[in-house]
Amino acid sequence: MTKTILVTGGSRGIGRSTAILAAAQGWSVGVNYLADREAAEEVVQRAEQAGGRAVVVQGDVAVEADVLAMFDRTESTLGRLDGVVVNAGIVAPPLPLADMSAERMRRIFEVNVLGAYLCAREAARRLSMSRGGRGGSIVNVSSVAARIGSPFEYVDYAGSKAAVDTLTLGLAKELGPDGVRVNAVRPGVTDTDIHASGEQPDRASRIGVQTPLGRAGQPDEIAQAIVWLLGDASSYVSGALLDASGGR
């Protein structure tokens, strides 16, 4: 069945792979980005080459007006939504909590928690059958950090992803009767450029070898789990926290 989805943080990493894989299913995809329009347009081009339709939608997920605008643009261009991937997130350079500034923590929580809640809220409004939607699927991108804590590196990031897990569990119960499934994928260390943004460009290879599978994950592998949760094959799966962490 053809679907229309929105992927936040769709211009790079896991979001990029998810958008392209969904397009390969023949789906239509809104590709959200914050600043790098060129990268987002490249994803749209790849999505169209894969067989889907796609549109770039700019916006900061931590800004309510931007969130509303990105949902509006996706639906006005591609049609009513069937699914949303709440993926946009950030990290910061590794530090123990005692050395973190309030400004750093505030931005992490604004993007990773408030941003996730705003996007999930808007998805709930658009997908819920009682509000005129046709049901669908919300997939939140959490992290295995939510259960291991990321000490001396990202305890703020880990806490933000624990909030995403709680959002997933509660929202699945709220929206189930409205025809909407809500799940989370919790990647482990994955080979994307998010590590470079946290000033650890070698982190994926360095930590990946310590996992039971002996390597970092690839964004395409995480995207496979996300697209499965968006699709009809997972029709009885809701409220799940699916680890994709190489056994870590």
C-alpha atoms as a PDB file:
ATOM      1  CA  MET A   1       0.000   0.000   0.000  1.00  0.00           C
ATOM      2  CA  THR A   2       1.328   3.431  -0.943  1.00  0.00           C
ATOM      3  CA  LYS A   3       1.921   5.693   2.052  1.00  0.00           C
ATOM      4  CA  THR A   4       2.847   9.289   2.750  1.00  0.00           C
ATOM      5  CA  ILE A   5       5.308   9.900   5.563  1.00  0.00           C
ATOM      6  CA  LEU A   6       7.306  12.725   7.113  1.00  0.00           C
ATOM      7  CA  VAL A   7      10.845  12.131   8.362  1.00  0.00           C
ATOM      8  CA  THR A   8      12.282  14.746  10.708  1.00  0.00           C
ATOM      9  CA  GLY A   9      16.036  15.141  10.478  1.00  0.00           C
ATOM     10  CA  GLY A  10      15.810  13.534   7.056  1.00  0.00           C
ATOM     11  CA  SER A  11      18.824  15.126   5.415  1.00  0.00           C
ATOM     12  CA  ARG A  12      21.488  12.931   7.005  1.00  0.00           C
ATOM     13  CA  GLY A  13      22.251   9.670   8.761  1.00  0.00           C
ATOM     14  CA  ILE A  14      19.387   7.428   9.826  1.00  0.00           C
ATOM     15  CA  GLY A  15      16.748   9.901   8.615  1.00  0.00           C
ATOM     16  CA  ARG A  16      18.323  10.041   5.161  1.00  0.00           C
ATOM     17  CA  SER A  17      18.432   6.256   4.862  1.00  0.00           C
ATOM     18  CA  THR A  18      14.843   5.978   6.082  1.00  0.00           C
ATOM     19  CA  ALA A  19      13.581   8.482   3.526  1.00  0.00           C
ATOM     20  CA  ILE A  20      15.309   6.712   0.633  1.00  0.00           C
ATOM     21  CA  LEU A  21      14.237   3.237   1.747  1.00  0.00           C
ATOM     22  CA  ALA A  22      10.629   4.368   2.177  1.00  0.00           C
ATOM     23  CA  ALA A  23      10.692   5.884  -1.296  1.00  0.00           C
ATOM     24  CA  ALA A  24      11.927   2.569  -2.655  1.00  0.00           C
ATOM     25  CA  GLN A  25       8.632   1.109  -1.384  1.00  0.00           C
ATOM     26  CA  GLY A  26       6.856   3.607  -3.640  1.00  0.00           C
ATOM     27  CA  TRP A  27       5.951   5.894  -0.746  1.00  0.00           C
ATOM     28  CA  SER A  28       5.876   9.692  -0.715  1.00  0.00           C
ATOM     29  CA  VAL A  29       8.270  11.311   1.755  1.00  0.00           C
ATOM     30  CA  GLY A  30       8.597  14.725   3.383  1.00  0.00           C
ATOM     31  CA  VAL A  31      12.297  15.267   4.087  1.00  0.00           C
ATOM     32  CA  ASN A  32      12.737  17.689   6.981  1.00  0.00           C
ATOM     33  CA  TYR A  33      16.005  19.541   7.464  1.00  0.00           C
ATOM     34  CA  LEU A  34      17.227  22.390   9.638  1.00  0.00           C
ATOM     35  CA  ALA A  35      20.071  24.122   7.777  1.00  0.00           C
ATOM     36  CA  ASP A  36      21.608  22.007   5.011  1.00  0.00           C
ATOM     37  CA  ARG A  37      19.158  22.405   2.134  1.00  0.00           C
ATOM     38  CA  GLU A  38      21.614  20.980  -0.375  1.00  0.00           C
ATOM     39  CA  ALA A  39      21.813  17.717   1.574  1.00  0.00           C
ATOM     40  CA  ALA A  40      18.017  17.554   1.855  1.00  0.00           C
ATOM     41  CA  GLU A  41      17.604  18.146  -1.878  1.00  0.00           C
ATOM     42  CA  GLU A  42      20.079  15.338  -2.563  1.00  0.00           C
ATOM     43  CA  VAL A  43      17.904  13.018  -0.443  1.00  0.00           C
ATOM     44  CA  VAL A  44      14.820  14.076  -2.402  1.00  0.00           C
ATOM     45  CA  GLN A  45      16.643  13.333  -5.649  1.00  0.00           C
ATOM     46  CA  ARG A  46      17.689   9.895  -4.376  1.00  0.00           C
ATOM     47  CA  ALA A  47      14.151   9.206  -3.160  1.00  0.00           C
ATOM     48  CA  GLU A  48      12.673  10.051  -6.541  1.00  0.00           C
ATOM     49  CA  GLN A  49      15.254   7.885  -8.301  1.00  0.00           C
ATOM     50  CA  ALA A  50      14.241   5.049  -5.957  1.00  0.00           C
ATOM     51  CA  GLY A  51      10.647   5.297  -7.166  1.00  0.00           C
ATOM     52  CA  GLY A  52       8.859   7.540  -4.672  1.00  0.00           C
ATOM     53  CA  ARG A  53       7.831  11.156  -4.450  1.00  0.00           C
ATOM     54  CA  ALA A  54       9.528  13.552  -2.069  1.00  0.00           C
ATOM     55  CA  VAL A  55       9.662  17.167  -0.942  1.00  0.00           C
ATOM     56  CA  VAL A  56      12.055  19.173   1.231  1.00  0.00           C
ATOM     57  CA  VAL A  57      10.515  20.730   4.340  1.00  0.00           C
ATOM     58  CA  GLN A  58      12.669  23.105   6.349  1.00  0.00           C
ATOM     59  CA  GLY A  59      12.129  23.639  10.058  1.00  0.00           C
ATOM     60  CA  ASP A  60      13.486  23.485  13.600  1.00  0.00           C
ATOM     61  CA  VAL A  61      11.623  20.777  15.496  1.00  0.00           C
ATOM     62  CA  ALA A  62      12.040  22.743  18.739  1.00  0.00           C
ATOM     63  CA  VAL A  63       9.972  25.639  17.315  1.00  0.00           C
ATOM     64  CA  GLU A  64       6.223  25.006  17.313  1.00  0.00           C
ATOM     65  CA  ALA A  65       5.497  27.236  14.303  1.00  0.00           C
ATOM     66  CA  ASP A  66       8.136  25.387  12.277  1.00  0.00           C
ATOM     67  CA  VAL A  67       6.653  22.023  13.203  1.00  0.00           C
ATOM     68  CA  LEU A  68       3.183  23.076  12.085  1.00  0.00           C
ATOM     69  CA  ALA A  69       4.600  24.457   8.842  1.00  0.00           C
ATOM     70  CA  MET A  70       6.540  21.299   8.005  1.00  0.00           C
ATOM     71  CA  PHE A  71       3.468  19.129   8.507  1.00  0.00           C
ATOM     72  CA  ASP A  72       1.361  21.525   6.439  1.00  0.00           C
ATOM     73  CA  ARG A  73       3.856  21.604   3.571  1.00  0.00           C
ATOM     74  CA  THR A  74       4.197  17.829   3.484  1.00  0.00           C
ATOM     75  CA  GLU A  75       0.447  17.289   3.348  1.00  0.00           C
ATOM     76  CA  SER A  76      -0.258  20.099   0.884  1.00  0.00           C
ATOM     77  CA  THR A  77       2.369  18.726  -1.486  1.00  0.00           C
ATOM     78  CA  LEU A  78       2.130  14.963  -1.026  1.00  0.00           C
ATOM     79  CA  GLY A  79      -1.284  14.329   0.542  1.00  0.00           C
ATOM     80  CA  ARG A  80      -2.582  13.220   3.905  1.00  0.00           C
ATOM     81  CA  LEU A  81      -0.009  11.592   6.168  1.00  0.00           C
ATOM     82  CA  ASP A  82       0.052   7.898   7.035  1.00  0.00           C
ATOM     83  CA  GLY A  83       3.188   7.955   9.160  1.00  0.00           C
ATOM     84  CA  VAL A  84       5.751  10.126  10.890  1.00  0.00           C
ATOM     85  CA  VAL A  85       9.338   9.341  11.847  1.00  0.00           C
ATOM     86  CA  VAL A  86      10.376  11.477  14.822  1.00  0.00           C
ATOM     87  CA  ASN A  87      14.094  11.316  14.213  1.00  0.00           C
ATOM     88  CA  ALA A  88      15.729  14.754  14.516  1.00  0.00           C
ATOM     89  CA  GLY A  89      18.185  14.898  17.392  1.00  0.00           C
ATOM     90  CA  ILE A  90      21.515  16.310  18.487  1.00  0.00           C
ATOM     91  CA  VAL A  91      24.474  15.515  20.730  1.00  0.00           C
ATOM     92  CA  ALA A  92      27.234  17.682  22.156  1.00  0.00           C
ATOM     93  CA  PRO A  93      30.922  17.043  22.923  1.00  0.00           C
ATOM     94  CA  PRO A  94      31.540  14.394  25.594  1.00  0.00           C
ATOM     95  CA  LEU A  95      31.581  15.653  29.169  1.00  0.00           C
ATOM     96  CA  PRO A  96      30.702  14.377  32.639  1.00  0.00           C
ATOM     97  CA  LEU A  97      27.523  15.974  33.938  1.00  0.00           C
ATOM     98  CA  ALA A  98      29.433  18.064  36.476  1.00  0.00           C
ATOM     99  CA  ASP A  99      31.092  19.972  33.632  1.00  0.00           C
ATOM    100  CA  MET A 100      28.025  20.563  31.467  1.00  0.00           C
ATOM    101  CA  SER A 101      26.627  24.064  31.063  1.00  0.00           C
ATOM    102  CA  ALA A 102      22.951  24.827  31.459  1.00  0.00           C
ATOM    103  CA  GLU A 103      22.945  26.175  27.895  1.00  0.00           C
ATOM    104  CA  ARG A 104      24.168  22.857  26.514  1.00  0.00           C
ATOM    105  CA  MET A 105      21.602  20.836  28.439  1.00  0.00           C
ATOM    106  CA  ARG A 106      18.809  23.236  27.531  1.00  0.00           C
ATOM    107  CA  ARG A 107      19.485  22.874  23.793  1.00  0.00           C
ATOM    108  CA  ILE A 108      19.732  19.081  24.029  1.00  0.00           C
ATOM    109  CA  PHE A 109      16.372  18.927  25.788  1.00  0.00           C
ATOM    110  CA  GLU A 110      14.765  21.516  23.504  1.00  0.00           C
ATOM    111  CA  VAL A 111      15.578  19.521  20.381  1.00  0.00           C
ATOM    112  CA  ASN A 112      15.498  15.937  21.607  1.00  0.00           C
ATOM    113  CA  VAL A 113      12.609  16.153  24.074  1.00  0.00           C
ATOM    114  CA  LEU A 114      10.453  19.188  23.296  1.00  0.00           C
ATOM    115  CA  GLY A 115      11.061  18.685  19.584  1.00  0.00           C
ATOM    116  CA  ALA A 116      10.053  15.027  19.778  1.00  0.00           C
ATOM    117  CA  TYR A 117       6.941  15.847  21.792  1.00  0.00           C
ATOM    118  CA  LEU A 118       5.878  18.641  19.423  1.00  0.00           C
ATOM    119  CA  CYS A 119       6.292  16.413  16.382  1.00  0.00           C
ATOM    120  CA  ALA A 120       4.540  13.481  18.044  1.00  0.00           C
ATOM    121  CA  ARG A 121       1.714  15.760  19.150  1.00  0.00           C
ATOM    122  CA  GLU A 122       1.208  17.053  15.620  1.00  0.00           C
ATOM    123  CA  ALA A 123       1.353  13.523  14.249  1.00  0.00           C
ATOM    124  CA  ALA A 124      -1.318  12.508  16.762  1.00  0.00           C
ATOM    125  CA  ARG A 125      -3.536  15.358  15.607  1.00  0.00           C
ATOM    126  CA  ARG A 126      -3.135  14.502  11.907  1.00  0.00           C
ATOM    127  CA  LEU A 127      -3.316  10.704  12.072  1.00  0.00           C
ATOM    128  CA  SER A 128      -6.003  10.094  14.711  1.00  0.00           C
ATOM    129  CA  MET A 129      -9.223   8.833  13.210  1.00  0.00           C
ATOM    130  CA  SER A 130     -11.328  10.740  15.719  1.00  0.00           C
ATOM    131  CA  ARG A 131      -9.738  13.970  14.428  1.00  0.00           C
ATOM    132  CA  GLY A 132     -10.307  13.223  10.763  1.00  0.00           C
ATOM    133  CA  GLY A 133      -7.164  11.227  10.056  1.00  0.00           C
ATOM    134  CA  ARG A 134      -7.045   7.716   8.680  1.00  0.00           C
ATOM    135  CA  GLY A 135      -4.815   6.141  11.305  1.00  0.00           C
ATOM    136  CA  GLY A 136      -1.204   5.250  10.760  1.00  0.00           C
ATOM    137  CA  SER A 137       2.134   4.779  12.455  1.00  0.00           C
ATOM    138  CA  ILE A 138       4.518   6.961  14.462  1.00  0.00           C
ATOM    139  CA  VAL A 139       8.093   5.757  14.867  1.00  0.00           C
ATOM    140  CA  ASN A 140      10.251   7.579  17.395  1.00  0.00           C
ATOM    141  CA  VAL A 141      14.016   7.262  17.040  1.00  0.00           C
ATOM    142  CA  SER A 142      15.360   6.793  20.549  1.00  0.00           C
ATOM    143  CA  SER A 143      18.760   5.352  21.493  1.00  0.00           C
ATOM    144  CA  VAL A 144      20.232   2.486  23.443  1.00  0.00           C
ATOM    145  CA  ALA A 145      21.738   5.325  25.513  1.00  0.00           C
ATOM    146  CA  ALA A 146      18.363   5.535  27.246  1.00  0.00           C
ATOM    147  CA  ARG A 147      19.131   2.298  29.089  1.00  0.00           C
ATOM    148  CA  ILE A 148      22.922   2.463  29.435  1.00  0.00           C
ATOM    149  CA  GLY A 149      23.161   6.111  30.523  1.00  0.00           C
ATOM    150  CA  SER A 150      26.227   7.151  28.459  1.00  0.00           C
ATOM    151  CA  PRO A 151      28.355   8.090  31.504  1.00  0.00           C
ATOM    152  CA  PHE A 152      31.166  10.619  31.022  1.00  0.00           C
ATOM    153  CA  GLU A 153      29.859  11.403  27.549  1.00  0.00           C
ATOM    154  CA  TYR A 154      26.204  12.196  27.064  1.00  0.00           C
ATOM    155  CA  VAL A 155      24.102  11.677  30.190  1.00  0.00           C
ATOM    156  CA  ASP A 156      22.007  14.622  29.008  1.00  0.00           C
ATOM    157  CA  TYR A 157      21.462  12.980  25.617  1.00  0.00           C
ATOM    158  CA  ALA A 158      20.730   9.646  27.306  1.00  0.00           C
ATOM    159  CA  GLY A 159      18.119  11.296  29.512  1.00  0.00           C
ATOM    160  CA  SER A 160      16.526  12.961  26.516  1.00  0.00           C
ATOM    161  CA  LYS A 161      16.162   9.605  24.803  1.00  0.00           C
ATOM    162  CA  ALA A 162      14.690   8.046  27.951  1.00  0.00           C
ATOM    163  CA  ALA A 163      11.996  10.716  27.648  1.00  0.00           C
ATOM    164  CA  VAL A 164      11.382   9.555  24.065  1.00  0.00           C
ATOM    165  CA  ASP A 165      10.898   5.999  25.354  1.00  0.00           C
ATOM    166  CA  THR A 166       8.322   7.216  27.865  1.00  0.00           C
ATOM    167  CA  LEU A 167       6.596   9.243  25.166  1.00  0.00           C
ATOM    168  CA  THR A 168       6.382   6.104  23.048  1.00  0.00           C
ATOM    169  CA  LEU A 169       4.862   3.974  25.783  1.00  0.00           C
ATOM    170  CA  GLY A 170       2.278   6.536  26.843  1.00  0.00           C
ATOM    171  CA  LEU A 171       1.292   7.694  23.372  1.00  0.00           C
ATOM    172  CA  ALA A 172       0.840   4.135  22.146  1.00  0.00           C
ATOM    173  CA  LYS A 173      -1.836   3.685  24.810  1.00  0.00           C
ATOM    174  CA  GLU A 174      -3.488   7.011  23.983  1.00  0.00           C
ATOM    175  CA  LEU A 175      -3.617   6.494  20.235  1.00  0.00           C
ATOM    176  CA  GLY A 176      -4.247   2.772  19.878  1.00  0.00           C
ATOM    177  CA  PRO A 177      -8.044   3.210  19.938  1.00  0.00           C
ATOM    178  CA  ASP A 178      -7.631   5.923  17.271  1.00  0.00           C
ATOM    179  CA  GLY A 179      -5.996   3.617  14.749  1.00  0.00           C
ATOM    180  CA  VAL A 180      -2.450   4.866  15.345  1.00  0.00           C
ATOM    181  CA  ARG A 181       0.461   2.646  16.328  1.00  0.00           C
ATOM    182  CA  VAL A 182       3.426   4.189  18.172  1.00  0.00           C
ATOM    183  CA  ASN A 183       6.805   2.485  18.487  1.00  0.00           C
ATOM    184  CA  ALA A 184      10.447   3.388  19.009  1.00  0.00           C
ATOM    185  CA  VAL A 185      13.656   2.126  17.492  1.00  0.00           C
ATOM    186  CA  ARG A 186      16.676   2.369  19.781  1.00  0.00           C
ATOM    187  CA  PRO A 187      19.857   2.325  17.708  1.00  0.00           C
ATOM    188  CA  GLY A 188      23.190   1.527  19.238  1.00  0.00           C
ATOM    189  CA  VAL A 189      26.375   3.122  17.968  1.00  0.00           C
ATOM    190  CA  THR A 190      25.716   3.796  14.286  1.00  0.00           C
ATOM    191  CA  ASP A 191      28.110   5.033  11.623  1.00  0.00           C
ATOM    192  CA  THR A 192      26.695   8.509  10.964  1.00  0.00           C
ATOM    193  CA  ASP A 193      28.092  12.026  11.119  1.00  0.00           C
ATOM    194  CA  ILE A 194      26.316  12.776  14.412  1.00  0.00           C
ATOM    195  CA  HIS A 195      29.528  11.638  16.122  1.00  0.00           C
ATOM    196  CA  ALA A 196      31.556  14.298  14.327  1.00  0.00           C
ATOM    197  CA  SER A 197      29.063  16.915  15.507  1.00  0.00           C
ATOM    198  CA  GLY A 198      29.917  15.767  19.034  1.00  0.00           C
ATOM    199  CA  GLU A 199      33.639  16.133  18.252  1.00  0.00           C
ATOM    200  CA  GLN A 200      34.206  12.349  18.146  1.00  0.00           C
ATOM    201  CA  PRO A 201      34.421  11.468  14.439  1.00  0.00           C
ATOM    202  CA  ASP A 202      35.974   8.054  15.216  1.00  0.00           C
ATOM    203  CA  ARG A 203      33.421   7.103  17.873  1.00  0.00           C
ATOM    204  CA  ALA A 204      31.420   4.650  15.749  1.00  0.00           C
ATOM    205  CA  SER A 205      34.444   2.577  14.766  1.00  0.00           C
ATOM    206  CA  ARG A 206      35.998   2.825  18.238  1.00  0.00           C
ATOM    207  CA  ILE A 207      32.909   1.671  20.145  1.00  0.00           C
ATOM    208  CA  GLY A 208      31.503  -0.547  17.424  1.00  0.00           C
ATOM    209  CA  VAL A 209      34.250  -3.137  17.840  1.00  0.00           C
ATOM    210  CA  GLN A 210      33.213  -3.518  21.482  1.00  0.00           C
ATOM    211  CA  THR A 211      29.698  -4.696  20.641  1.00  0.00           C
ATOM    212  CA  PRO A 212      28.838  -8.408  20.512  1.00  0.00           C
ATOM    213  CA  LEU A 213      28.536  -8.147  16.727  1.00  0.00           C
ATOM    214  CA  GLY A 214      31.939  -6.510  16.608  1.00  0.00           C
ATOM    215  CA  ARG A 215      31.055  -3.464  14.519  1.00  0.00           C
ATOM    216  CA  ALA A 216      29.015  -0.288  14.370  1.00  0.00           C
ATOM    217  CA  GLY A 217      25.601  -0.344  12.774  1.00  0.00           C
ATOM    218  CA  GLN A 218      24.930   1.205   9.395  1.00  0.00           C
ATOM    219  CA  PRO A 219      22.134   3.749   8.882  1.00  0.00           C
ATOM    220  CA  ASP A 220      20.476   1.509   6.301  1.00  0.00           C
ATOM    221  CA  GLU A 221      20.180  -1.254   8.906  1.00  0.00           C
ATOM    222  CA  ILE A 222      18.359   1.038  11.329  1.00  0.00           C
ATOM    223  CA  ALA A 223      16.164   2.326   8.505  1.00  0.00           C
ATOM    224  CA  GLN A 224      15.006  -1.231   7.776  1.00  0.00           C
ATOM    225  CA  ALA A 225      13.572  -1.472  11.298  1.00  0.00           C
ATOM    226  CA  ILE A 226      11.915   1.944  11.043  1.00  0.00           C
ATOM    227  CA  VAL A 227      10.285   1.244   7.686  1.00  0.00           C
ATOM    228  CA  TRP A 228       9.044  -2.128   8.945  1.00  0.00           C
ATOM    229  CA  LEU A 229       7.352  -0.391  11.880  1.00  0.00           C
ATOM    230  CA  LEU A 230       5.782   2.132   9.499  1.00  0.00           C
ATOM    231  CA  GLY A 231       4.432  -0.576   7.230  1.00  0.00           C
ATOM    232  CA  ASP A 232       1.547  -2.988   7.316  1.00  0.00           C
ATOM    233  CA  ALA A 233       3.743  -5.986   8.165  1.00  0.00           C
ATOM    234  CA  SER A 234       3.969  -4.700  11.767  1.00  0.00           C
ATOM    235  CA  SER A 235       0.220  -4.155  12.095  1.00  0.00           C
ATOM    236  CA  TYR A 236      -0.017  -5.666  15.610  1.00  0.00           C
ATOM    237  CA  VAL A 237       3.091  -3.981  16.996  1.00  0.00           C
ATOM    238  CA  SER A 238       2.546  -0.918  19.175  1.00  0.00           C
ATOM    239  CA  GLY A 239       4.250   0.385  22.301  1.00  0.00           C
ATOM    240  CA  ALA A 240       7.441  -1.483  21.416  1.00  0.00           C
ATOM    241  CA  LEU A 241      10.972  -0.298  22.140  1.00  0.00           C
ATOM    242  CA  LEU A 242      13.002  -2.121  19.497  1.00  0.00           C
ATOM    243  CA  ASP A 243      16.738  -2.232  20.157  1.00  0.00           C
ATOM    244  CA  ALA A 244      18.931  -2.204  17.045  1.00  0.00           C
ATOM    245  CA  SER A 245      22.217  -2.128  18.886  1.00  0.00           C
ATOM    246  CA  GLY A 246      24.313  -5.079  17.770  1.00  0.00           C
ATOM    247  CA  GLY A 247      23.609  -6.770  21.098  1.00  0.00           C
ATOM    248  CA  ARG A 248      25.098  -3.932  23.130  1.00  0.00           C
END
